[in-house]
Amino acid sequence: VVSQGSFRMQELARHNLELQQDYGRLKLQVAELSSPGRIASEARRLGFHLPQPDDVRSLPVKGSVPVNAGGTVGRPALSLKSLLEQRP
């Protein structure tokens, strides 16, 4: 029984190491795919371009404006990442 338990622990440790390596590779892949340069290149390839200044309109949004750690007024974060990080 002890030797079976030891074998199982070695197997789990090996599997854990493989999963950690996979996680590291996936984090690197996410970093590479989400780099601003890669996204800009892909956007240009798809035909996207920056608008002319006269084509940009801003809309007022009701609600409070967040204050950053320095005490100055910041801009609200409207990204998917910030929304996902707020989930419990």
PDB file of N, CA and C in Angstrom:
ATOM      1  N   VAL A   1       0.836  -1.193   0.000  1.00  0.00           N
ATOM      2  CA  VAL A   1       0.000   0.000   0.000  1.00  0.00           C
ATOM      3  C   VAL A   1       0.876   1.250   0.000  1.00  0.00           C
ATOM      4  N   VAL A   2       1.945   1.219   0.808  1.00  0.00           N
ATOM      5  CA  VAL A   2       2.827   2.379   0.888  1.00  0.00           C
ATOM      6  C   VAL A   2       3.509   2.617  -0.452  1.00  0.00           C
ATOM      7  N   SER A   3       3.953   1.538  -1.100  1.00  0.00           N
ATOM      8  CA  SER A   3       4.630   1.711  -2.378  1.00  0.00           C
ATOM      9  C   SER A   3       3.661   2.192  -3.450  1.00  0.00           C
ATOM     10  N   GLN A   4       2.411   1.739  -3.402  1.00  0.00           N
ATOM     11  CA  GLN A   4       1.399   2.228  -4.347  1.00  0.00           C
ATOM     12  C   GLN A   4       1.148   3.721  -4.115  1.00  0.00           C
ATOM     13  N   GLY A   5       1.081   4.124  -2.856  1.00  0.00           N
ATOM     14  CA  GLY A   5       0.885   5.536  -2.526  1.00  0.00           C
ATOM     15  C   GLY A   5       2.054   6.379  -3.002  1.00  0.00           C
ATOM     16  N   SER A   6       3.270   5.867  -2.834  1.00  0.00           N
ATOM     17  CA  SER A   6       4.464   6.581  -3.281  1.00  0.00           C
ATOM     18  C   SER A   6       4.471   6.723  -4.805  1.00  0.00           C
ATOM     19  N   PHE A   7       4.123   5.641  -5.494  1.00  0.00           N
ATOM     20  CA  PHE A   7       4.047   5.686  -6.951  1.00  0.00           C
ATOM     21  C   PHE A   7       3.010   6.705  -7.410  1.00  0.00           C
ATOM     22  N   ARG A   8       1.872   6.722  -6.753  1.00  0.00           N
ATOM     23  CA  ARG A   8       0.800   7.659  -7.107  1.00  0.00           C
ATOM     24  C   ARG A   8       1.244   9.104  -6.863  1.00  0.00           C
ATOM     25  N   MET A   9       1.979   9.336  -5.762  1.00  0.00           N
ATOM     26  CA  MET A   9       2.474  10.686  -5.473  1.00  0.00           C
ATOM     27  C   MET A   9       3.459  11.132  -6.556  1.00  0.00           C
ATOM     28  N   GLN A  10       4.335  10.228  -6.989  1.00  0.00           N
ATOM     29  CA  GLN A  10       5.283  10.568  -8.057  1.00  0.00           C
ATOM     30  C   GLN A  10       4.537  10.880  -9.351  1.00  0.00           C
ATOM     31  N   GLU A  11       3.520  10.109  -9.642  1.00  0.00           N
ATOM     32  CA  GLU A  11       2.715  10.327 -10.845  1.00  0.00           C
ATOM     33  C   GLU A  11       2.012  11.682 -10.786  1.00  0.00           C
ATOM     34  N   LEU A  12       1.445  12.013  -9.632  1.00  0.00           N
ATOM     35  CA  LEU A  12       0.765  13.300  -9.468  1.00  0.00           C
ATOM     36  C   LEU A  12       1.749  14.466  -9.545  1.00  0.00           C
ATOM     37  N   ALA A  13       2.937  14.288  -8.969  1.00  0.00           N
ATOM     38  CA  ALA A  13       3.950  15.347  -9.032  1.00  0.00           C
ATOM     39  C   ALA A  13       4.379  15.584 -10.475  1.00  0.00           C
ATOM     40  N   ARG A  14       4.566  14.513 -11.243  1.00  0.00           N
ATOM     41  CA  ARG A  14       4.935  14.639 -12.652  1.00  0.00           C
ATOM     42  C   ARG A  14       3.834  15.346 -13.438  1.00  0.00           C
ATOM     43  N   HIS A  15       2.600  14.949 -13.178  1.00  0.00           N
ATOM     44  CA  HIS A  15       1.463  15.565 -13.874  1.00  0.00           C
ATOM     45  C   HIS A  15       1.347  17.046 -13.495  1.00  0.00           C
ATOM     46  N   ASN A  16       1.584  17.347 -12.237  1.00  0.00           N
ATOM     47  CA  ASN A  16       1.534  18.733 -11.775  1.00  0.00           C
ATOM     48  C   ASN A  16       2.598  19.563 -12.495  1.00  0.00           C
ATOM     49  N   LEU A  17       3.793  19.035 -12.635  1.00  0.00           N
ATOM     50  CA  LEU A  17       4.867  19.736 -13.340  1.00  0.00           C
ATOM     51  C   LEU A  17       4.492  19.971 -14.804  1.00  0.00           C
ATOM     52  N   GLU A  18       3.906  18.970 -15.449  1.00  0.00           N
ATOM     53  CA  GLU A  18       3.463  19.126 -16.839  1.00  0.00           C
ATOM     54  C   GLU A  18       2.416  20.229 -16.958  1.00  0.00           C
ATOM     55  N   LEU A  19       1.482  20.245 -16.019  1.00  0.00           N
ATOM     56  CA  LEU A  19       0.442  21.278 -16.055  1.00  0.00           C
ATOM     57  C   LEU A  19       1.023  22.669 -15.820  1.00  0.00           C
ATOM     58  N   GLN A  20       2.001  22.771 -14.929  1.00  0.00           N
ATOM     59  CA  GLN A  20       2.642  24.065 -14.692  1.00  0.00           C
ATOM     60  C   GLN A  20       3.372  24.542 -15.947  1.00  0.00           C
ATOM     61  N   GLN A  21       4.034  23.631 -16.647  1.00  0.00           N
ATOM     62  CA  GLN A  21       4.719  23.994 -17.883  1.00  0.00           C
ATOM     63  C   GLN A  21       3.721  24.409 -18.958  1.00  0.00           C
ATOM     64  N   ASP A  22       2.613  23.687 -19.067  1.00  0.00           N
ATOM     65  CA  ASP A  22       1.563  24.060 -20.020  1.00  0.00           C
ATOM     66  C   ASP A  22       1.015  25.444 -19.698  1.00  0.00           C
ATOM     67  N   TYR A  23       0.790  25.708 -18.422  1.00  0.00           N
ATOM     68  CA  TYR A  23       0.273  27.003 -17.992  1.00  0.00           C
ATOM     69  C   TYR A  23       1.253  28.113 -18.373  1.00  0.00           C
ATOM     70  N   GLY A  24       2.538  27.891 -18.146  1.00  0.00           N
ATOM     71  CA  GLY A  24       3.547  28.879 -18.520  1.00  0.00           C
ATOM     72  C   GLY A  24       3.548  29.145 -20.007  1.00  0.00           C
ATOM     73  N   ARG A  25       3.451  28.076 -20.815  1.00  0.00           N
ATOM     74  CA  ARG A  25       3.406  28.246 -22.275  1.00  0.00           C
ATOM     75  C   ARG A  25       2.151  29.014 -22.696  1.00  0.00           C
ATOM     76  N   LEU A  26       1.023  28.717 -22.068  1.00  0.00           N
ATOM     77  CA  LEU A  26      -0.224  29.411 -22.421  1.00  0.00           C
ATOM     78  C   LEU A  26      -0.177  30.886 -22.008  1.00  0.00           C
ATOM     79  N   LYS A  27       0.420  31.183 -20.849  1.00  0.00           N
ATOM     80  CA  LYS A  27       0.560  32.585 -20.440  1.00  0.00           C
ATOM     81  C   LYS A  27       1.430  33.349 -21.430  1.00  0.00           C
ATOM     82  N   LEU A  28       2.496  32.714 -21.895  1.00  0.00           N
ATOM     83  CA  LEU A  28       3.365  33.347 -22.883  1.00  0.00           C
ATOM     84  C   LEU A  28       2.600  33.581 -24.186  1.00  0.00           C
ATOM     85  N   GLN A  29       1.804  32.598 -24.589  1.00  0.00           N
ATOM     86  CA  GLN A  29       1.024  32.737 -25.816  1.00  0.00           C
ATOM     87  C   GLN A  29       0.018  33.880 -25.688  1.00  0.00           C
ATOM     88  N   VAL A  30      -0.631  33.996 -24.545  1.00  0.00           N
ATOM     89  CA  VAL A  30      -1.579  35.103 -24.328  1.00  0.00           C
ATOM     90  C   VAL A  30      -0.849  36.440 -24.383  1.00  0.00           C
ATOM     91  N   ALA A  31       0.334  36.513 -23.766  1.00  0.00           N
ATOM     92  CA  ALA A  31       1.102  37.762 -23.788  1.00  0.00           C
ATOM     93  C   ALA A  31       1.482  38.137 -25.218  1.00  0.00           C
ATOM     94  N   GLU A  32       1.908  37.151 -25.985  1.00  0.00           N
ATOM     95  CA  GLU A  32       2.284  37.427 -27.373  1.00  0.00           C
ATOM     96  C   GLU A  32       1.081  37.863 -28.203  1.00  0.00           C
ATOM     97  N   LEU A  33      -0.039  37.160 -28.040  1.00  0.00           N
ATOM     98  CA  LEU A  33      -1.226  37.485 -28.842  1.00  0.00           C
ATOM     99  C   LEU A  33      -1.858  38.809 -28.435  1.00  0.00           C
ATOM    100  N   SER A  34      -1.697  39.224 -27.191  1.00  0.00           N
ATOM    101  CA  SER A  34      -2.334  40.457 -26.742  1.00  0.00           C
ATOM    102  C   SER A  34      -1.397  41.658 -26.799  1.00  0.00           C
ATOM    103  N   SER A  35      -0.217  41.496 -27.377  1.00  0.00           N
ATOM    104  CA  SER A  35       0.707  42.629 -27.469  1.00  0.00           C
ATOM    105  C   SER A  35       0.111  43.696 -28.390  1.00  0.00           C
ATOM    106  N   PRO A  36       0.259  44.950 -28.007  1.00  0.00           N
ATOM    107  CA  PRO A  36      -0.311  46.035 -28.828  1.00  0.00           C
ATOM    108  C   PRO A  36       0.207  46.035 -30.259  1.00  0.00           C
ATOM    109  N   GLY A  37       1.477  45.735 -30.454  1.00  0.00           N
ATOM    110  CA  GLY A  37       2.032  45.715 -31.808  1.00  0.00           C
ATOM    111  C   GLY A  37       1.379  44.657 -32.677  1.00  0.00           C
ATOM    112  N   ARG A  38       1.167  43.461 -32.118  1.00  0.00           N
ATOM    113  CA  ARG A  38       0.536  42.392 -32.878  1.00  0.00           C
ATOM    114  C   ARG A  38      -0.910  42.740 -33.198  1.00  0.00           C
ATOM    115  N   ILE A  39      -1.600  43.325 -32.233  1.00  0.00           N
ATOM    116  CA  ILE A  39      -2.999  43.701 -32.450  1.00  0.00           C
ATOM    117  C   ILE A  39      -3.095  44.793 -33.517  1.00  0.00           C
ATOM    118  N   ALA A  40      -2.180  45.775 -33.458  1.00  0.00           N
ATOM    119  CA  ALA A  40      -2.185  46.846 -34.472  1.00  0.00           C
ATOM    120  C   ALA A  40      -1.903  46.285 -35.865  1.00  0.00           C
ATOM    121  N   SER A  41      -0.944  45.371 -35.949  1.00  0.00           N
ATOM    122  CA  SER A  41      -0.629  44.759 -37.251  1.00  0.00           C
ATOM    123  C   SER A  41      -1.821  43.980 -37.794  1.00  0.00           C
ATOM    124  N   GLU A  42      -2.461  43.223 -36.929  1.00  0.00           N
ATOM    125  CA  GLU A  42      -3.630  42.432 -37.354  1.00  0.00           C
ATOM    126  C   GLU A  42      -4.772  43.353 -37.771  1.00  0.00           C
ATOM    127  N   ALA A  43      -4.963  44.453 -37.039  1.00  0.00           N
ATOM    128  CA  ALA A  43      -6.018  45.402 -37.398  1.00  0.00           C
ATOM    129  C   ALA A  43      -5.751  46.008 -38.777  1.00  0.00           C
ATOM    130  N   ARG A  44      -4.485  46.388 -39.027  1.00  0.00           N
ATOM    131  CA  ARG A  44      -4.145  46.936 -40.359  1.00  0.00           C
ATOM    132  C   ARG A  44      -4.386  45.894 -41.440  1.00  0.00           C
ATOM    133  N   ARG A  45      -4.011  44.641 -41.148  1.00  0.00           N
ATOM    134  CA  ARG A  45      -4.205  43.568 -42.133  1.00  0.00           C
ATOM    135  C   ARG A  45      -5.687  43.399 -42.455  1.00  0.00           C
ATOM    136  N   LEU A  46      -6.545  43.613 -41.464  1.00  0.00           N
ATOM    137  CA  LEU A  46      -7.986  43.464 -41.667  1.00  0.00           C
ATOM    138  C   LEU A  46      -8.636  44.725 -42.237  1.00  0.00           C
ATOM    139  N   GLY A  47      -7.836  45.770 -42.456  1.00  0.00           N
ATOM    140  CA  GLY A  47      -8.364  46.979 -43.071  1.00  0.00           C
ATOM    141  C   GLY A  47      -8.813  48.050 -42.097  1.00  0.00           C
ATOM    142  N   PHE A  48      -8.553  47.868 -40.819  1.00  0.00           N
ATOM    143  CA  PHE A  48      -8.900  48.902 -39.845  1.00  0.00           C
ATOM    144  C   PHE A  48      -7.879  50.023 -39.913  1.00  0.00           C
ATOM    145  N   HIS A  49      -8.292  51.213 -39.556  1.00  0.00           N
ATOM    146  CA  HIS A  49      -7.392  52.353 -39.525  1.00  0.00           C
ATOM    147  C   HIS A  49      -7.873  53.333 -38.462  1.00  0.00           C
ATOM    148  N   LEU A  50      -6.980  54.236 -38.064  1.00  0.00           N
ATOM    149  CA  LEU A  50      -7.356  55.248 -37.080  1.00  0.00           C
ATOM    150  C   LEU A  50      -8.267  56.270 -37.737  1.00  0.00           C
ATOM    151  N   PRO A  51      -9.296  56.721 -37.028  1.00  0.00           N
ATOM    152  CA  PRO A  51     -10.202  57.712 -37.613  1.00  0.00           C
ATOM    153  C   PRO A  51      -9.557  59.095 -37.644  1.00  0.00           C
ATOM    154  N   GLN A  52     -10.077  59.937 -38.498  1.00  0.00           N
ATOM    155  CA  GLN A  52      -9.668  61.338 -38.519  1.00  0.00           C
ATOM    156  C   GLN A  52     -10.204  61.996 -37.244  1.00  0.00           C
ATOM    157  N   PRO A  53      -9.505  62.986 -36.706  1.00  0.00           N
ATOM    158  CA  PRO A  53      -9.958  63.619 -35.464  1.00  0.00           C
ATOM    159  C   PRO A  53     -11.402  64.129 -35.523  1.00  0.00           C
ATOM    160  N   ASP A  54     -11.834  64.614 -36.689  1.00  0.00           N
ATOM    161  CA  ASP A  54     -13.209  65.119 -36.808  1.00  0.00           C
ATOM    162  C   ASP A  54     -14.249  64.005 -36.801  1.00  0.00           C
ATOM    163  N   ASP A  55     -13.814  62.763 -37.002  1.00  0.00           N
ATOM    164  CA  ASP A  55     -14.745  61.634 -37.026  1.00  0.00           C
ATOM    165  C   ASP A  55     -14.986  61.036 -35.640  1.00  0.00           C
ATOM    166  N   VAL A  56     -14.269  61.516 -34.631  1.00  0.00           N
ATOM    167  CA  VAL A  56     -14.385  60.968 -33.275  1.00  0.00           C
ATOM    168  C   VAL A  56     -15.362  61.812 -32.474  1.00  0.00           C
ATOM    169  N   ARG A  57     -16.308  61.157 -31.856  1.00  0.00           N
ATOM    170  CA  ARG A  57     -17.296  61.834 -30.997  1.00  0.00           C
ATOM    171  C   ARG A  57     -17.225  61.212 -29.610  1.00  0.00           C
ATOM    172  N   SER A  58     -17.340  62.034 -28.601  1.00  0.00           N
ATOM    173  CA  SER A  58     -17.372  61.487 -27.253  1.00  0.00           C
ATOM    174  C   SER A  58     -18.774  61.672 -26.690  1.00  0.00           C
ATOM    175  N   LEU A  59     -19.181  60.736 -25.894  1.00  0.00           N
ATOM    176  CA  LEU A  59     -20.509  60.761 -25.296  1.00  0.00           C
ATOM    177  C   LEU A  59     -20.387  60.925 -23.794  1.00  0.00           C
ATOM    178  N   PRO A  60     -21.185  61.803 -23.211  1.00  0.00           N
ATOM    179  CA  PRO A  60     -21.151  61.932 -21.752  1.00  0.00           C
ATOM    180  C   PRO A  60     -21.789  60.692 -21.117  1.00  0.00           C
ATOM    181  N   VAL A  61     -21.207  60.241 -20.035  1.00  0.00           N
ATOM    182  CA  VAL A  61     -21.715  59.068 -19.328  1.00  0.00           C
ATOM    183  C   VAL A  61     -22.042  59.474 -17.906  1.00  0.00           C
ATOM    184  N   LYS A  62     -23.269  59.203 -17.477  1.00  0.00           N
ATOM    185  CA  LYS A  62     -23.657  59.526 -16.112  1.00  0.00           C
ATOM    186  C   LYS A  62     -22.991  58.552 -15.156  1.00  0.00           C
ATOM    187  N   GLY A  63     -22.695  59.038 -13.979  1.00  0.00           N
ATOM    188  CA  GLY A  63     -22.102  58.169 -12.964  1.00  0.00           C
ATOM    189  C   GLY A  63     -20.869  58.808 -12.370  1.00  0.00           C
ATOM    190  N   SER A  64     -20.312  58.137 -11.392  1.00  0.00           N
ATOM    191  CA  SER A  64     -19.144  58.680 -10.723  1.00  0.00           C
ATOM    192  C   SER A  64     -17.889  58.407 -11.544  1.00  0.00           C
ATOM    193  N   VAL A  65     -16.931  59.279 -11.362  1.00  0.00           N
ATOM    194  CA  VAL A  65     -15.643  59.126 -12.021  1.00  0.00           C
ATOM    195  C   VAL A  65     -14.678  58.588 -10.978  1.00  0.00           C
ATOM    196  N   PRO A  66     -13.995  57.488 -11.270  1.00  0.00           N
ATOM    197  CA  PRO A  66     -13.088  56.911 -10.278  1.00  0.00           C
ATOM    198  C   PRO A  66     -11.900  57.818  -9.985  1.00  0.00           C
ATOM    199  N   VAL A  67     -11.389  57.732  -8.770  1.00  0.00           N
ATOM    200  CA  VAL A  67     -10.204  58.475  -8.369  1.00  0.00           C
ATOM    201  C   VAL A  67      -9.082  57.471  -8.201  1.00  0.00           C
ATOM    202  N   ASN A  68      -7.931  57.745  -8.807  1.00  0.00           N
ATOM    203  CA  ASN A  68      -6.832  56.784  -8.712  1.00  0.00           C
ATOM    204  C   ASN A  68      -6.085  56.947  -7.392  1.00  0.00           C
ATOM    205  N   ALA A  69      -5.068  56.128  -7.177  1.00  0.00           N
ATOM    206  CA  ALA A  69      -4.346  56.098  -5.906  1.00  0.00           C
ATOM    207  C   ALA A  69      -3.692  57.436  -5.581  1.00  0.00           C
ATOM    208  N   GLY A  70      -3.328  58.204  -6.586  1.00  0.00           N
ATOM    209  CA  GLY A  70      -2.697  59.497  -6.355  1.00  0.00           C
ATOM    210  C   GLY A  70      -3.687  60.592  -5.992  1.00  0.00           C
ATOM    211  N   GLY A  71      -4.981  60.276  -5.970  1.00  0.00           N
ATOM    212  CA  GLY A  71      -5.996  61.251  -5.614  1.00  0.00           C
ATOM    213  C   GLY A  71      -6.500  62.066  -6.778  1.00  0.00           C
ATOM    214  N   THR A  72      -6.005  61.785  -7.989  1.00  0.00           N
ATOM    215  CA  THR A  72      -6.483  62.517  -9.147  1.00  0.00           C
ATOM    216  C   THR A  72      -7.599  61.736  -9.825  1.00  0.00           C
ATOM    217  N   VAL A  73      -8.393  62.455 -10.574  1.00  0.00           N
ATOM    218  CA  VAL A  73      -9.520  61.835 -11.245  1.00  0.00           C
ATOM    219  C   VAL A  73      -9.003  60.991 -12.402  1.00  0.00           C
ATOM    220  N   GLY A  74      -9.518  59.780 -12.504  1.00  0.00           N
ATOM    221  CA  GLY A  74      -9.103  58.880 -13.576  1.00  0.00           C
ATOM    222  C   GLY A  74     -10.238  58.630 -14.539  1.00  0.00           C
ATOM    223  N   ARG A  75      -9.945  57.855 -15.545  1.00  0.00           N
ATOM    224  CA  ARG A  75     -10.964  57.476 -16.522  1.00  0.00           C
ATOM    225  C   ARG A  75     -11.512  56.121 -16.144  1.00  0.00           C
ATOM    226  N   PRO A  76     -12.822  55.910 -16.311  1.00  0.00           N
ATOM    227  CA  PRO A  76     -13.371  54.593 -16.009  1.00  0.00           C
ATOM    228  C   PRO A  76     -12.824  53.541 -16.960  1.00  0.00           C
ATOM    229  N   ALA A  77     -12.574  52.364 -16.429  1.00  0.00           N
ATOM    230  CA  ALA A  77     -12.064  51.269 -17.254  1.00  0.00           C
ATOM    231  C   ALA A  77     -13.241  50.578 -17.932  1.00  0.00           C
ATOM    232  N   LEU A  78     -13.236  50.569 -19.251  1.00  0.00           N
ATOM    233  CA  LEU A  78     -14.317  49.953 -20.004  1.00  0.00           C
ATOM    234  C   LEU A  78     -13.779  48.783 -20.812  1.00  0.00           C
ATOM    235  N   SER A  79     -12.951  47.961 -20.196  1.00  0.00           N
ATOM    236  CA  SER A  79     -12.391  46.824 -20.909  1.00  0.00           C
ATOM    237  C   SER A  79     -12.989  45.529 -20.390  1.00  0.00           C
ATOM    238  N   LEU A  80     -12.968  44.527 -21.240  1.00  0.00           N
ATOM    239  CA  LEU A  80     -13.465  43.209 -20.854  1.00  0.00           C
ATOM    240  C   LEU A  80     -12.641  42.659 -19.696  1.00  0.00           C
ATOM    241  N   LYS A  81     -11.337  42.875 -19.744  1.00  0.00           N
ATOM    242  CA  LYS A  81     -10.459  42.377 -18.681  1.00  0.00           C
ATOM    243  C   LYS A  81     -10.882  42.956 -17.337  1.00  0.00           C
ATOM    244  N   SER A  82     -11.141  44.257 -17.271  1.00  0.00           N
ATOM    245  CA  SER A  82     -11.521  44.861 -15.996  1.00  0.00           C
ATOM    246  C   SER A  82     -12.873  44.323 -15.516  1.00  0.00           C
ATOM    247  N   LEU A  83     -13.767  44.043 -16.449  1.00  0.00           N
ATOM    248  CA  LEU A  83     -15.063  43.477 -16.059  1.00  0.00           C
ATOM    249  C   LEU A  83     -14.919  42.071 -15.546  1.00  0.00           C
ATOM    250  N   LEU A  84     -14.056  41.269 -16.184  1.00  0.00           N
ATOM    251  CA  LEU A  84     -13.862  39.893 -15.753  1.00  0.00           C
ATOM    252  C   LEU A  84     -13.171  39.827 -14.407  1.00  0.00           C
ATOM    253  N   GLU A  85     -12.270  40.772 -14.133  1.00  0.00           N
ATOM    254  CA  GLU A  85     -11.561  40.770 -12.857  1.00  0.00           C
ATOM    255  C   GLU A  85     -12.485  41.119 -11.705  1.00  0.00           C
ATOM    256  N   GLN A  86     -13.626  41.760 -11.979  1.00  0.00           N
ATOM    257  CA  GLN A  86     -14.552  42.138 -10.928  1.00  0.00           C
ATOM    258  C   GLN A  86     -15.468  40.983 -10.519  1.00  0.00           C
ATOM    259  N   ARG A  87     -15.451  39.903 -11.278  1.00  0.00           N
ATOM    260  CA  ARG A  87     -16.336  38.776 -10.966  1.00  0.00           C
ATOM    261  C   ARG A  87     -15.883  38.100  -9.683  1.00  0.00           C
ATOM    262  N   PRO A  88     -16.831  37.655  -8.855  1.00  0.00           N
ATOM    263  CA  PRO A  88     -16.454  36.983  -7.606  1.00  0.00           C
ATOM    264  C   PRO A  88     -15.834  35.624  -7.858  1.00  0.00           C
TER     265      PRO A  88
END
